[in-house]
C-alpha atoms as a PDB file:
ATOM      1  CA  UNK A   1       8.087   5.412 -45.194  1.00  0.00           C
ATOM      2  CA  UNK A   2       4.442   4.839 -46.094  1.00  0.00           C
ATOM      3  CA  UNK A   3       5.388   1.607 -47.815  1.00  0.00           C
ATOM      4  CA  UNK A   4       7.233   0.441 -44.695  1.00  0.00           C
ATOM      5  CA  UNK A   5       4.188   1.156 -42.569  1.00  0.00           C
ATOM      6  CA  UNK A   6       1.908  -0.628 -45.026  1.00  0.00           C
ATOM      7  CA  UNK A   7       4.142  -3.690 -44.946  1.00  0.00           C
ATOM      8  CA  UNK A   8       3.841  -3.710 -41.150  1.00  0.00           C
ATOM      9  CA  UNK A   9       0.061  -3.346 -41.373  1.00  0.00           C
ATOM     10  CA  UNK A  10      -0.139  -6.413 -43.600  1.00  0.00           C
ATOM     11  CA  UNK A  11       0.736  -8.497 -40.550  1.00  0.00           C
ATOM     12  CA  UNK A  12      -2.787  -7.756 -39.316  1.00  0.00           C
ATOM     13  CA  UNK A  13      -4.192  -7.737 -35.793  1.00  0.00           C
ATOM     14  CA  UNK A  14      -2.992 -11.184 -34.768  1.00  0.00           C
ATOM     15  CA  UNK A  15       0.050  -9.951 -32.881  1.00  0.00           C
ATOM     16  CA  UNK A  16      -2.078  -7.417 -30.985  1.00  0.00           C
ATOM     17  CA  UNK A  17      -4.468 -10.174 -29.915  1.00  0.00           C
ATOM     18  CA  UNK A  18      -1.559 -12.352 -28.784  1.00  0.00           C
ATOM     19  CA  UNK A  19      -0.165  -9.441 -26.771  1.00  0.00           C
ATOM     20  CA  UNK A  20      -3.515  -8.863 -25.069  1.00  0.00           C
ATOM     21  CA  UNK A  21      -3.896 -12.551 -24.287  1.00  0.00           C
ATOM     22  CA  UNK A  22      -0.430 -12.753 -22.701  1.00  0.00           C
ATOM     23  CA  UNK A  23      -1.165  -9.608 -20.699  1.00  0.00           C
ATOM     24  CA  UNK A  24      -4.447 -11.093 -19.544  1.00  0.00           C
ATOM     25  CA  UNK A  25      -2.755 -14.291 -18.336  1.00  0.00           C
ATOM     26  CA  UNK A  26      -0.144 -12.319 -16.391  1.00  0.00           C
ATOM     27  CA  UNK A  27      -2.894 -10.179 -14.847  1.00  0.00           C
ATOM     28  CA  UNK A  28      -4.824 -13.266 -13.721  1.00  0.00           C
ATOM     29  CA  UNK A  29      -1.742 -14.808 -12.124  1.00  0.00           C
ATOM     30  CA  UNK A  30      -0.949 -11.534 -10.376  1.00  0.00           C
ATOM     31  CA  UNK A  31      -4.544 -11.191  -9.216  1.00  0.00           C
ATOM     32  CA  UNK A  32      -4.533 -14.634  -7.587  1.00  0.00           C
ATOM     33  CA  UNK A  33      -1.138 -14.055  -5.943  1.00  0.00           C
ATOM     34  CA  UNK A  34      -2.079 -10.633  -4.551  1.00  0.00           C
ATOM     35  CA  UNK A  35      -5.479 -11.799  -3.334  1.00  0.00           C
ATOM     36  CA  UNK A  36      -3.845 -14.623  -1.364  1.00  0.00           C
ATOM     37  CA  UNK A  37      -1.172 -12.266  -0.054  1.00  0.00           C
ATOM     38  CA  UNK A  38      -3.709  -9.743   1.225  1.00  0.00           C
ATOM     39  CA  UNK A  39      -5.808 -12.475   2.775  1.00  0.00           C
ATOM     40  CA  UNK A  40      -2.812 -13.583   4.841  1.00  0.00           C
ATOM     41  CA  UNK A  41      -1.667 -10.023   5.581  1.00  0.00           C
ATOM     42  CA  UNK A  42      -4.961  -8.874   7.088  1.00  0.00           C
ATOM     43  CA  UNK A  43      -6.255  -9.980  10.457  1.00  0.00           C
ATOM     44  CA  UNK A  44      -8.768  -9.449  13.232  1.00  0.00           C
ATOM     45  CA  UNK A  45      -8.020  -5.939  14.469  1.00  0.00           C
ATOM     46  CA  UNK A  46     -10.052  -6.265  17.671  1.00  0.00           C
ATOM     47  CA  UNK A  47      -8.253  -9.458  18.652  1.00  0.00           C
ATOM     48  CA  UNK A  48      -4.824  -7.958  17.995  1.00  0.00           C
ATOM     49  CA  UNK A  49      -5.703  -4.779  19.859  1.00  0.00           C
ATOM     50  CA  UNK A  50      -6.911  -6.718  22.908  1.00  0.00           C
ATOM     51  CA  UNK A  51      -3.739  -8.819  22.937  1.00  0.00           C
ATOM     52  CA  UNK A  52      -1.470  -5.797  22.749  1.00  0.00           C
ATOM     53  CA  UNK A  53      -3.504  -3.861  25.296  1.00  0.00           C
ATOM     54  CA  UNK A  54      -3.298  -6.769  27.730  1.00  0.00           C
ATOM     55  CA  UNK A  55       0.467  -7.034  27.240  1.00  0.00           C
ATOM     56  CA  UNK A  56       0.941  -3.298  27.774  1.00  0.00           C
ATOM     57  CA  UNK A  57      -0.922  -3.488  31.049  1.00  0.00           C
ATOM     58  CA  UNK A  58       0.852  -6.673  32.169  1.00  0.00           C
ATOM     59  CA  UNK A  59       4.376  -5.299  31.996  1.00  0.00           C
ATOM     60  CA  UNK A  60       7.644  -5.622  30.121  1.00  0.00           C
ATOM     61  CA  UNK A  61       7.946  -9.411  30.312  1.00  0.00           C
ATOM     62  CA  UNK A  62       4.544  -9.968  28.761  1.00  0.00           C
ATOM     63  CA  UNK A  63       5.281  -7.341  26.089  1.00  0.00           C
ATOM     64  CA  UNK A  64       8.473  -9.096  25.057  1.00  0.00           C
ATOM     65  CA  UNK A  65       6.726 -12.457  24.868  1.00  0.00           C
ATOM     66  CA  UNK A  66       3.900 -11.086  22.747  1.00  0.00           C
ATOM     67  CA  UNK A  67       6.328  -9.208  20.487  1.00  0.00           C
ATOM     68  CA  UNK A  68       8.143 -12.465  19.699  1.00  0.00           C
ATOM     69  CA  UNK A  69       4.827 -14.142  18.886  1.00  0.00           C
ATOM     70  CA  UNK A  70       3.572 -11.331  16.661  1.00  0.00           C
ATOM     71  CA  UNK A  71       6.875 -11.029  14.808  1.00  0.00           C
ATOM     72  CA  UNK A  72       6.333 -14.542  13.373  1.00  0.00           C
ATOM     73  CA  UNK A  73       2.837 -13.749  12.104  1.00  0.00           C
ATOM     74  CA  UNK A  74       1.855 -13.382   8.441  1.00  0.00           C
ATOM     75  CA  UNK A  75      -0.366 -10.437   9.348  1.00  0.00           C
ATOM     76  CA  UNK A  76       1.171  -7.046   8.608  1.00  0.00           C
ATOM     77  CA  UNK A  77      -0.515  -5.232  11.559  1.00  0.00           C
ATOM     78  CA  UNK A  78       0.798  -7.922  13.908  1.00  0.00           C
ATOM     79  CA  UNK A  79       4.384  -7.580  12.663  1.00  0.00           C
ATOM     80  CA  UNK A  80       4.284  -3.788  12.891  1.00  0.00           C
ATOM     81  CA  UNK A  81       2.788  -4.057  16.376  1.00  0.00           C
ATOM     82  CA  UNK A  82       5.695  -6.316  17.331  1.00  0.00           C
ATOM     83  CA  UNK A  83       8.158  -3.660  16.154  1.00  0.00           C
ATOM     84  CA  UNK A  84       6.359  -1.000  18.185  1.00  0.00           C
ATOM     85  CA  UNK A  85       6.476  -3.181  21.300  1.00  0.00           C
ATOM     86  CA  UNK A  86      10.170  -3.986  20.873  1.00  0.00           C
ATOM     87  CA  UNK A  87      11.088  -0.323  20.461  1.00  0.00           C
ATOM     88  CA  UNK A  88       9.520   0.766  23.761  1.00  0.00           C
ATOM     89  CA  UNK A  89      12.967   0.669  25.363  1.00  0.00           C
ATOM     90  CA  UNK A  90      14.009   3.666  23.237  1.00  0.00           C
ATOM     91  CA  UNK A  91      12.870   7.266  23.280  1.00  0.00           C
ATOM     92  CA  UNK A  92       9.433   7.934  21.735  1.00  0.00           C
ATOM     93  CA  UNK A  93      10.965   9.857  18.843  1.00  0.00           C
ATOM     94  CA  UNK A  94      13.451   7.116  17.968  1.00  0.00           C
ATOM     95  CA  UNK A  95      10.805   4.409  18.317  1.00  0.00           C
ATOM     96  CA  UNK A  96       8.463   6.328  16.030  1.00  0.00           C
ATOM     97  CA  UNK A  97      11.136   6.590  13.331  1.00  0.00           C
ATOM     98  CA  UNK A  98      11.786   2.830  13.438  1.00  0.00           C
ATOM     99  CA  UNK A  99       8.079   2.007  13.233  1.00  0.00           C
ATOM    100  CA  UNK A 100       7.525   4.397  10.317  1.00  0.00           C
ATOM    101  CA  UNK A 101      10.461   2.841   8.485  1.00  0.00           C
ATOM    102  CA  UNK A 102       8.917  -0.618   8.907  1.00  0.00           C
ATOM    103  CA  UNK A 103       5.528   0.737   7.777  1.00  0.00           C
ATOM    104  CA  UNK A 104       7.058   2.013   4.541  1.00  0.00           C
ATOM    105  CA  UNK A 105       8.785  -1.320   3.980  1.00  0.00           C
ATOM    106  CA  UNK A 106       5.532  -3.232   4.436  1.00  0.00           C
ATOM    107  CA  UNK A 107       3.648  -0.785   2.210  1.00  0.00           C
ATOM    108  CA  UNK A 108       6.149  -1.290  -0.602  1.00  0.00           C
ATOM    109  CA  UNK A 109       5.752  -5.063  -0.325  1.00  0.00           C
ATOM    110  CA  UNK A 110       1.956  -4.824  -0.284  1.00  0.00           C
ATOM    111  CA  UNK A 111       1.824  -2.595  -3.358  1.00  0.00           C
ATOM    112  CA  UNK A 112       4.153  -4.785  -5.419  1.00  0.00           C
ATOM    113  CA  UNK A 113       2.514  -5.601  -8.752  1.00  0.00           C
ATOM    114  CA  UNK A 114      -0.329  -3.103  -8.448  1.00  0.00           C
ATOM    115  CA  UNK A 115       1.286  -0.716 -10.923  1.00  0.00           C
ATOM    116  CA  UNK A 116       1.169  -3.451 -13.542  1.00  0.00           C
ATOM    117  CA  UNK A 117      -2.571  -3.938 -12.998  1.00  0.00           C
ATOM    118  CA  UNK A 118      -3.130  -0.193 -13.173  1.00  0.00           C
ATOM    119  CA  UNK A 119      -1.123   0.067 -16.386  1.00  0.00           C
ATOM    120  CA  UNK A 120      -3.022  -2.794 -17.994  1.00  0.00           C
ATOM    121  CA  UNK A 121      -6.351  -1.341 -16.951  1.00  0.00           C
ATOM    122  CA  UNK A 122      -5.601   2.079 -18.395  1.00  0.00           C
ATOM    123  CA  UNK A 123      -3.819   1.029 -21.606  1.00  0.00           C
ATOM    124  CA  UNK A 124      -5.366  -2.265 -22.751  1.00  0.00           C
ATOM    125  CA  UNK A 125      -8.330  -0.508 -24.455  1.00  0.00           C
ATOM    126  CA  UNK A 126      -5.914   1.647 -26.443  1.00  0.00           C
ATOM    127  CA  UNK A 127      -3.909  -1.406 -27.479  1.00  0.00           C
ATOM    128  CA  UNK A 128      -7.123  -3.053 -28.637  1.00  0.00           C
ATOM    129  CA  UNK A 129      -8.124   0.088 -30.506  1.00  0.00           C
ATOM    130  CA  UNK A 130      -4.717   0.169 -32.177  1.00  0.00           C
ATOM    131  CA  UNK A 131      -5.269  -3.406 -33.337  1.00  0.00           C
ATOM    132  CA  UNK A 132      -8.690  -2.443 -34.693  1.00  0.00           C
ATOM    133  CA  UNK A 133      -7.206   0.435 -36.689  1.00  0.00           C
ATOM    134  CA  UNK A 134      -4.540  -1.855 -38.121  1.00  0.00           C
ATOM    135  CA  UNK A 135      -7.163  -4.415 -39.058  1.00  0.00           C
ATOM    136  CA  UNK A 136      -9.355  -1.855 -40.820  1.00  0.00           C
ATOM    137  CA  UNK A 137      -6.385  -0.442 -42.736  1.00  0.00           C
ATOM    138  CA  UNK A 138      -5.464  -3.961 -43.832  1.00  0.00           C
ATOM    139  CA  UNK A 139      -9.043  -4.666 -44.863  1.00  0.00           C
ATOM    140  CA  UNK A 140      -9.190  -1.598 -47.093  1.00  0.00           C
ATOM    141  CA  UNK A 141      -5.733  -2.383 -48.483  1.00  0.00           C
ATOM    142  CA  UNK A 142      -6.995  -5.826 -49.434  1.00  0.00           C
ATOM    143  CA  UNK A 143     -10.040  -4.196 -51.004  1.00  0.00           C
ATOM    144  CA  UNK A 144      -7.794  -2.025 -53.167  1.00  0.00           C
ATOM    145  CA  UNK A 145      -5.982  -5.081 -54.491  1.00  0.00           C
ATOM    146  CA  UNK A 146      -9.168  -6.976 -55.265  1.00  0.00           C
ATOM    147  CA  UNK A 147     -10.715  -6.719 -58.696  1.00  0.00           C
ATOM    148  CA  UNK A 148     -14.194  -7.662 -57.583  1.00  0.00           C
ATOM    149  CA  UNK A 149     -15.059  -4.760 -55.310  1.00  0.00           C
ATOM    150  CA  UNK A 150     -17.861  -5.164 -52.811  1.00  0.00           C
ATOM    151  CA  UNK A 151     -18.685  -4.959 -49.110  1.00  0.00           C
ATOM    152  CA  UNK A 152     -18.243  -8.679 -48.655  1.00  0.00           C
ATOM    153  CA  UNK A 153     -14.568  -8.271 -49.474  1.00  0.00           C
ATOM    154  CA  UNK A 154     -13.819  -6.223 -46.357  1.00  0.00           C
ATOM    155  CA  UNK A 155     -16.444  -7.538 -43.966  1.00  0.00           C
ATOM    156  CA  UNK A 156     -14.285 -10.374 -42.706  1.00  0.00           C
ATOM    157  CA  UNK A 157     -11.302  -8.092 -42.131  1.00  0.00           C
ATOM    158  CA  UNK A 158     -13.315  -5.413 -40.299  1.00  0.00           C
ATOM    159  CA  UNK A 159     -15.078  -7.923 -38.057  1.00  0.00           C
ATOM    160  CA  UNK A 160     -11.702  -9.428 -37.151  1.00  0.00           C
ATOM    161  CA  UNK A 161     -10.351  -5.962 -36.426  1.00  0.00           C
ATOM    162  CA  UNK A 162     -13.229  -5.104 -34.095  1.00  0.00           C
ATOM    163  CA  UNK A 163     -12.439  -8.200 -32.029  1.00  0.00           C
ATOM    164  CA  UNK A 164      -9.215  -6.498 -30.903  1.00  0.00           C
ATOM    165  CA  UNK A 165     -11.149  -3.653 -29.267  1.00  0.00           C
ATOM    166  CA  UNK A 166     -13.457  -6.114 -27.525  1.00  0.00           C
ATOM    167  CA  UNK A 167     -10.511  -8.132 -26.198  1.00  0.00           C
ATOM    168  CA  UNK A 168      -8.797  -4.953 -25.026  1.00  0.00           C
ATOM    169  CA  UNK A 169     -11.859  -3.977 -22.997  1.00  0.00           C
ATOM    170  CA  UNK A 170     -12.187  -7.525 -21.692  1.00  0.00           C
ATOM    171  CA  UNK A 171      -8.617  -7.386 -20.392  1.00  0.00           C
ATOM    172  CA  UNK A 172      -8.848  -3.826 -19.029  1.00  0.00           C
ATOM    173  CA  UNK A 173     -12.079  -3.988 -17.003  1.00  0.00           C
ATOM    174  CA  UNK A 174     -11.038  -6.802 -14.579  1.00  0.00           C
ATOM    175  CA  UNK A 175      -7.606  -5.204 -14.197  1.00  0.00           C
ATOM    176  CA  UNK A 176      -9.134  -1.858 -13.176  1.00  0.00           C
ATOM    177  CA  UNK A 177     -11.531  -3.531 -10.731  1.00  0.00           C
ATOM    178  CA  UNK A 178      -8.702  -5.559  -9.184  1.00  0.00           C
ATOM    179  CA  UNK A 179      -6.424  -2.513  -8.950  1.00  0.00           C
ATOM    180  CA  UNK A 180      -9.027  -0.417  -7.112  1.00  0.00           C
ATOM    181  CA  UNK A 181      -9.997  -3.279  -4.798  1.00  0.00           C
ATOM    182  CA  UNK A 182      -6.392  -4.063  -3.910  1.00  0.00           C
ATOM    183  CA  UNK A 183      -5.521  -0.408  -3.286  1.00  0.00           C
ATOM    184  CA  UNK A 184      -8.411  -0.262  -0.833  1.00  0.00           C
ATOM    185  CA  UNK A 185      -7.207  -3.454   0.851  1.00  0.00           C
ATOM    186  CA  UNK A 186      -3.689  -2.075   1.245  1.00  0.00           C
ATOM    187  CA  UNK A 187      -5.083   1.098   2.778  1.00  0.00           C
ATOM    188  CA  UNK A 188      -7.170  -0.922   5.251  1.00  0.00           C
ATOM    189  CA  UNK A 189      -4.198  -3.062   6.305  1.00  0.00           C
ATOM    190  CA  UNK A 190      -1.982  -0.021   6.856  1.00  0.00           C
ATOM    191  CA  UNK A 191      -4.746   1.804   8.758  1.00  0.00           C
ATOM    192  CA  UNK A 192      -5.142  -1.187  11.094  1.00  0.00           C
ATOM    193  CA  UNK A 193      -1.384  -1.114  11.625  1.00  0.00           C
ATOM    194  CA  UNK A 194      -1.454   2.596  12.481  1.00  0.00           C
ATOM    195  CA  UNK A 195      -4.216   2.006  15.035  1.00  0.00           C
ATOM    196  CA  UNK A 196      -2.028  -0.503  16.855  1.00  0.00           C
ATOM    197  CA  UNK A 197       1.028   1.751  16.611  1.00  0.00           C
ATOM    198  CA  UNK A 198      -0.846   4.684  18.151  1.00  0.00           C
ATOM    199  CA  UNK A 199      -2.052   2.411  20.958  1.00  0.00           C
ATOM    200  CA  UNK A 200       1.501   1.334  21.798  1.00  0.00           C
ATOM    201  CA  UNK A 201       2.834   4.884  21.399  1.00  0.00           C
ATOM    202  CA  UNK A 202       0.383   6.270  23.944  1.00  0.00           C
ATOM    203  CA  UNK A 203       1.591   3.816  26.600  1.00  0.00           C
ATOM    204  CA  UNK A 204       5.200   4.366  25.562  1.00  0.00           C
ATOM    205  CA  UNK A 205       4.896   8.119  25.966  1.00  0.00           C
ATOM    206  CA  UNK A 206       3.217   7.834  29.364  1.00  0.00           C
ATOM    207  CA  UNK A 207       5.971   5.523  30.609  1.00  0.00           C
ATOM    208  CA  UNK A 208       8.675   7.812  29.258  1.00  0.00           C
ATOM    209  CA  UNK A 209       7.136  10.858  30.927  1.00  0.00           C
ATOM    210  CA  UNK A 210       6.801   9.055  34.249  1.00  0.00           C
ATOM    211  CA  UNK A 211      10.361   7.706  34.067  1.00  0.00           C
ATOM    212  CA  UNK A 212      11.787  11.214  33.647  1.00  0.00           C
ATOM    213  CA  UNK A 213       9.645  12.914  36.244  1.00  0.00           C
ATOM    214  CA  UNK A 214       7.660  14.893  33.677  1.00  0.00           C
ATOM    215  CA  UNK A 215       3.999  15.807  33.564  1.00  0.00           C
ATOM    216  CA  UNK A 216       1.567  16.765  30.846  1.00  0.00           C
ATOM    217  CA  UNK A 217       0.443  20.410  30.635  1.00  0.00           C
ATOM    218  CA  UNK A 218      -3.106  19.666  31.792  1.00  0.00           C
ATOM    219  CA  UNK A 219      -1.745  18.591  35.185  1.00  0.00           C
ATOM    220  CA  UNK A 220      -1.689  21.689  37.357  1.00  0.00           C
ATOM    221  CA  UNK A 221       1.483  22.801  39.089  1.00  0.00           C
ATOM    222  CA  UNK A 222       1.300  23.392  42.820  1.00  0.00           C
ATOM    223  CA  UNK A 223       1.126  27.119  43.415  1.00  0.00           C
ATOM    224  CA  UNK A 224       4.090  29.009  44.825  1.00  0.00           C
ATOM    225  CA  UNK A 225       6.741  26.547  43.661  1.00  0.00           C
ATOM    226  CA  UNK A 226       9.561  27.328  41.265  1.00  0.00           C
ATOM    227  CA  UNK A 227      10.258  24.674  38.620  1.00  0.00           C
ATOM    228  CA  UNK A 228      13.271  26.304  36.969  1.00  0.00           C
ATOM    229  CA  UNK A 229      15.845  23.988  38.561  1.00  0.00           C
ATOM    230  CA  UNK A 230      13.997  20.846  37.489  1.00  0.00           C
ATOM    231  CA  UNK A 231      13.614  22.203  33.970  1.00  0.00           C
ATOM    232  CA  UNK A 232      17.331  22.785  33.637  1.00  0.00           C
ATOM    233  CA  UNK A 233      18.090  19.263  34.840  1.00  0.00           C
ATOM    234  CA  UNK A 234      15.595  17.527  32.588  1.00  0.00           C
ATOM    235  CA  UNK A 235      15.803  19.655  29.464  1.00  0.00           C
ATOM    236  CA  UNK A 236      17.317  16.833  27.329  1.00  0.00           C
ATOM    237  CA  UNK A 237      14.499  14.492  28.318  1.00  0.00           C
ATOM    238  CA  UNK A 238      11.977  17.227  27.653  1.00  0.00           C
ATOM    239  CA  UNK A 239      13.265  17.712  24.117  1.00  0.00           C
ATOM    240  CA  UNK A 240      13.079  13.950  23.456  1.00  0.00           C
ATOM    241  CA  UNK A 241       9.484  13.792  24.626  1.00  0.00           C
ATOM    242  CA  UNK A 242       8.548  16.792  22.507  1.00  0.00           C
ATOM    243  CA  UNK A 243       9.924  15.101  19.414  1.00  0.00           C
ATOM    244  CA  UNK A 244       8.331  11.737  20.182  1.00  0.00           C
ATOM    245  CA  UNK A 245       4.967  13.247  20.989  1.00  0.00           C
ATOM    246  CA  UNK A 246       4.734  14.876  17.542  1.00  0.00           C
ATOM    247  CA  UNK A 247       4.363  18.387  18.761  1.00  0.00           C
ATOM    248  CA  UNK A 248       2.655  17.769  22.118  1.00  0.00           C
ATOM    249  CA  UNK A 249       4.044  19.876  24.970  1.00  0.00           C
ATOM    250  CA  UNK A 250       5.058  18.774  28.426  1.00  0.00           C
ATOM    251  CA  UNK A 251       6.406  20.531  31.421  1.00  0.00           C
ATOM    252  CA  UNK A 252       8.635  19.440  34.274  1.00  0.00           C
ATOM    253  CA  UNK A 253       7.148  18.250  37.518  1.00  0.00           C
ATOM    254  CA  UNK A 254       8.431  20.473  40.329  1.00  0.00           C
ATOM    255  CA  UNK A 255      10.869  18.867  42.657  1.00  0.00           C
ATOM    256  CA  UNK A 256      10.814  19.327  46.383  1.00  0.00           C
END
């Protein structure tokens, strides 16, 4: 078994260096592709928010028109905002589920390739170190087969072996920096999308409450009136609003 390992060591560090170089090229290509993708996916949050706010105030026709426009955009927050606008015809709970599903889909697309960068950043130094160990073992093996013993015999082999560690670090450091930067960019894009979703959801919930004759708990009930009949009639709507409002409570507006 030792002889088999020694025969493998005789190959030297060349294959480790080739592996690190190929990994570096793939990382560079992925870096350029992801950087361009995130540049297109991000946008001006204030501009998008003002557009959506204006459409929400203008009415259903304007909302539909803006949703069609945003759906064709390369910006992730714009596309998610379009989904939120289109789902305003459904109950708040159902609309929220659709929007969250689209958010997860966009997140998966944004994070594509980041695991590779993270893996390279965390493992390239160890690959380089492995190549260095192989190179040193080969250098001492060559020394054992050389009649004229001396430091000059192994210097060339050790210096070549140490190059593998240097290349491993050279590949790992940019990959780690890119991974951390891109993770932060993904988080920013998704946070901007959530801001727009919450904006649309607030208007959606208000419209749904008004359409079903409901009122929020901070609105006082006129004294001396019994709301039990209205509650029985609108209990299904009440349950829908409770689910869509993520735990917020509402109560039925008393009927005359």
